[in-house]
Amino acid sequence: MKRTFSVPRIHCEGCVRTVTEALRSLAGVTAAEADAQKKTVDVVFDPSLVSEERLRQALRNVGYPVAN
C-alpha cells in the first residue's frame, strides 16, 4: 500500500533524513521518500505489519506531525 502524508514541518534535507529514517526503521515499511519542497512523505508499507496510525506516531515522535 502507498500513502502520501502532508508534513508541513519538513523544510530542509536534515528534516528529510530524519523523517525517512524514522519511517524506514519500522517493520513493514518498504520505502519512504520525503520531499522538502512539497512538504510530503510517500510511504510504501504492508498494512498487515504496520498501521497507518503507527506511521503517524513515528512521525510525531521525531517532531513532524502529519497534517492530513
N, C-alpha and C. Protein backbone atom coordinates (compact mmCIF):
# COMPACT_ATOMS: atom_id res chain seq x y z
N MET A 1 0.84 -1.16 0.00
CA MET A 1 0.00 0.00 0.00
C MET A 1 0.89 1.23 0.00
N LYS A 2 0.47 2.25 -0.76
CA LYS A 2 1.22 3.50 -0.78
C LYS A 2 0.34 4.61 -0.23
N ARG A 3 0.95 5.47 0.59
CA ARG A 3 0.21 6.57 1.20
C ARG A 3 1.10 7.79 1.19
N THR A 4 0.52 8.94 0.88
CA THR A 4 1.26 10.20 0.93
C THR A 4 0.73 11.02 2.10
N PHE A 5 1.64 11.43 2.96
CA PHE A 5 1.29 12.25 4.12
C PHE A 5 1.77 13.68 3.88
N SER A 6 0.97 14.63 4.32
CA SER A 6 1.37 16.03 4.31
C SER A 6 2.05 16.32 5.65
N VAL A 7 3.29 16.77 5.59
CA VAL A 7 4.07 17.03 6.81
C VAL A 7 4.64 18.45 6.70
N PRO A 8 3.90 19.44 7.18
CA PRO A 8 4.28 20.84 6.99
C PRO A 8 5.63 21.25 7.58
N ARG A 9 6.11 20.56 8.58
CA ARG A 9 7.36 20.97 9.24
C ARG A 9 8.61 20.56 8.47
N ILE A 10 8.48 19.77 7.43
CA ILE A 10 9.66 19.40 6.64
C ILE A 10 10.09 20.63 5.84
N HIS A 11 11.35 21.06 6.03
CA HIS A 11 11.79 22.23 5.29
C HIS A 11 13.24 22.16 4.79
N CYS A 12 13.97 21.09 5.14
CA CYS A 12 15.36 21.00 4.70
C CYS A 12 15.76 19.54 4.55
N GLU A 13 16.98 19.32 4.08
CA GLU A 13 17.46 17.95 3.88
C GLU A 13 17.64 17.21 5.20
N GLY A 14 17.94 17.94 6.26
CA GLY A 14 18.02 17.31 7.58
C GLY A 14 16.67 16.75 8.01
N CYS A 15 15.62 17.50 7.73
CA CYS A 15 14.26 17.04 8.02
C CYS A 15 13.94 15.80 7.19
N VAL A 16 14.30 15.85 5.92
CA VAL A 16 14.04 14.72 5.02
C VAL A 16 14.71 13.46 5.57
N ARG A 17 15.95 13.59 5.99
CA ARG A 17 16.70 12.45 6.51
C ARG A 17 16.05 11.91 7.79
N THR A 18 15.69 12.80 8.70
CA THR A 18 15.06 12.39 9.96
C THR A 18 13.76 11.65 9.72
N VAL A 19 12.93 12.20 8.87
CA VAL A 19 11.62 11.61 8.58
C VAL A 19 11.75 10.25 7.89
N THR A 20 12.59 10.18 6.89
CA THR A 20 12.71 8.91 6.16
C THR A 20 13.34 7.83 7.04
N GLU A 21 14.32 8.19 7.85
CA GLU A 21 14.93 7.19 8.73
C GLU A 21 13.93 6.68 9.77
N ALA A 22 13.10 7.57 10.30
CA ALA A 22 12.10 7.15 11.29
C ALA A 22 11.12 6.16 10.67
N LEU A 23 10.71 6.41 9.46
CA LEU A 23 9.74 5.52 8.81
C LEU A 23 10.38 4.21 8.36
N ARG A 24 11.56 4.30 7.79
CA ARG A 24 12.24 3.09 7.30
C ARG A 24 12.64 2.14 8.41
N SER A 25 12.71 2.63 9.64
CA SER A 25 13.08 1.76 10.76
C SER A 25 11.92 0.87 11.21
N LEU A 26 10.73 1.14 10.72
CA LEU A 26 9.55 0.37 11.13
C LEU A 26 9.42 -0.90 10.30
N ALA A 27 9.12 -2.00 10.97
CA ALA A 27 8.86 -3.26 10.26
C ALA A 27 7.62 -3.06 9.39
N GLY A 28 7.70 -3.49 8.15
CA GLY A 28 6.56 -3.37 7.24
C GLY A 28 6.67 -2.21 6.28
N VAL A 29 7.61 -1.29 6.54
CA VAL A 29 7.81 -0.16 5.62
C VAL A 29 8.87 -0.58 4.61
N THR A 30 8.49 -0.55 3.34
CA THR A 30 9.43 -0.96 2.30
C THR A 30 10.08 0.23 1.60
N ALA A 31 9.46 1.41 1.69
CA ALA A 31 10.05 2.62 1.11
C ALA A 31 9.46 3.84 1.77
N ALA A 32 10.27 4.86 1.91
CA ALA A 32 9.81 6.15 2.43
C ALA A 32 10.63 7.23 1.74
N GLU A 33 9.94 8.18 1.15
CA GLU A 33 10.64 9.25 0.45
C GLU A 33 9.97 10.58 0.78
N ALA A 34 10.74 11.49 1.36
CA ALA A 34 10.22 12.80 1.73
C ALA A 34 10.64 13.84 0.71
N ASP A 35 9.81 14.86 0.56
CA ASP A 35 10.09 15.96 -0.36
C ASP A 35 9.96 17.27 0.41
N ALA A 36 11.08 17.97 0.61
CA ALA A 36 11.08 19.20 1.40
C ALA A 36 10.30 20.32 0.72
N GLN A 37 10.30 20.36 -0.59
CA GLN A 37 9.57 21.43 -1.29
C GLN A 37 8.07 21.23 -1.22
N LYS A 38 7.63 20.00 -1.42
CA LYS A 38 6.19 19.70 -1.37
C LYS A 38 5.69 19.51 0.06
N LYS A 39 6.65 19.28 0.97
CA LYS A 39 6.33 19.00 2.38
C LYS A 39 5.44 17.76 2.51
N THR A 40 5.87 16.73 1.79
CA THR A 40 5.14 15.47 1.81
C THR A 40 6.10 14.30 2.03
N VAL A 41 5.52 13.18 2.44
CA VAL A 41 6.27 11.93 2.57
C VAL A 41 5.44 10.84 1.91
N ASP A 42 6.05 10.14 0.94
CA ASP A 42 5.43 8.98 0.33
C ASP A 42 5.94 7.74 1.06
N VAL A 43 5.03 6.91 1.50
CA VAL A 43 5.41 5.70 2.24
C VAL A 43 4.78 4.49 1.58
N VAL A 44 5.58 3.47 1.33
CA VAL A 44 5.08 2.19 0.85
C VAL A 44 5.21 1.22 2.01
N PHE A 45 4.09 0.61 2.38
CA PHE A 45 4.11 -0.25 3.57
C PHE A 45 3.12 -1.39 3.43
N ASP A 46 3.35 -2.40 4.26
CA ASP A 46 2.45 -3.55 4.33
C ASP A 46 1.50 -3.32 5.50
N PRO A 47 0.21 -3.06 5.24
CA PRO A 47 -0.72 -2.76 6.32
C PRO A 47 -0.97 -3.93 7.28
N SER A 48 -0.55 -5.13 6.89
CA SER A 48 -0.69 -6.25 7.83
C SER A 48 0.44 -6.24 8.87
N LEU A 49 1.49 -5.45 8.62
CA LEU A 49 2.63 -5.38 9.54
C LEU A 49 2.72 -4.05 10.30
N VAL A 50 2.25 -2.99 9.68
CA VAL A 50 2.32 -1.67 10.31
C VAL A 50 1.07 -0.86 9.92
N SER A 51 0.48 -0.24 10.92
CA SER A 51 -0.74 0.54 10.66
C SER A 51 -0.39 1.97 10.24
N GLU A 52 -1.37 2.60 9.62
CA GLU A 52 -1.19 4.00 9.24
C GLU A 52 -0.99 4.85 10.50
N GLU A 53 -1.71 4.51 11.56
CA GLU A 53 -1.55 5.25 12.81
C GLU A 53 -0.14 5.10 13.36
N ARG A 54 0.45 3.93 13.23
CA ARG A 54 1.83 3.71 13.69
C ARG A 54 2.80 4.59 12.89
N LEU A 55 2.54 4.75 11.61
CA LEU A 55 3.38 5.63 10.78
C LEU A 55 3.25 7.08 11.27
N ARG A 56 2.01 7.50 11.53
CA ARG A 56 1.78 8.85 12.03
C ARG A 56 2.48 9.05 13.39
N GLN A 57 2.41 8.04 14.24
CA GLN A 57 3.04 8.13 15.55
C GLN A 57 4.56 8.25 15.41
N ALA A 58 5.14 7.49 14.51
CA ALA A 58 6.59 7.56 14.29
C ALA A 58 6.99 8.97 13.86
N LEU A 59 6.18 9.60 13.03
CA LEU A 59 6.48 10.96 12.58
C LEU A 59 6.32 11.95 13.74
N ARG A 60 5.28 11.78 14.54
CA ARG A 60 5.10 12.65 15.71
C ARG A 60 6.28 12.50 16.67
N ASN A 61 6.74 11.29 16.85
CA ASN A 61 7.83 11.02 17.79
C ASN A 61 9.13 11.75 17.43
N VAL A 62 9.33 12.02 16.14
CA VAL A 62 10.55 12.73 15.74
C VAL A 62 10.28 14.21 15.47
N GLY A 63 9.06 14.68 15.84
CA GLY A 63 8.75 16.11 15.74
C GLY A 63 8.13 16.58 14.45
N TYR A 64 7.58 15.64 13.67
CA TYR A 64 6.98 16.00 12.39
C TYR A 64 5.55 15.46 12.28
N PRO A 65 4.60 16.11 12.95
CA PRO A 65 3.22 15.62 12.89
C PRO A 65 2.63 15.73 11.48
N VAL A 66 1.75 14.80 11.19
CA VAL A 66 1.08 14.74 9.88
C VAL A 66 -0.11 15.70 9.89
N ALA A 67 -0.32 16.41 8.78
CA ALA A 67 -1.42 17.37 8.69
C ALA A 67 -2.69 16.75 8.10
N ASN A 68 -2.58 15.66 7.37
CA ASN A 68 -3.80 15.08 6.75
C ASN A 68 -4.09 13.70 7.27
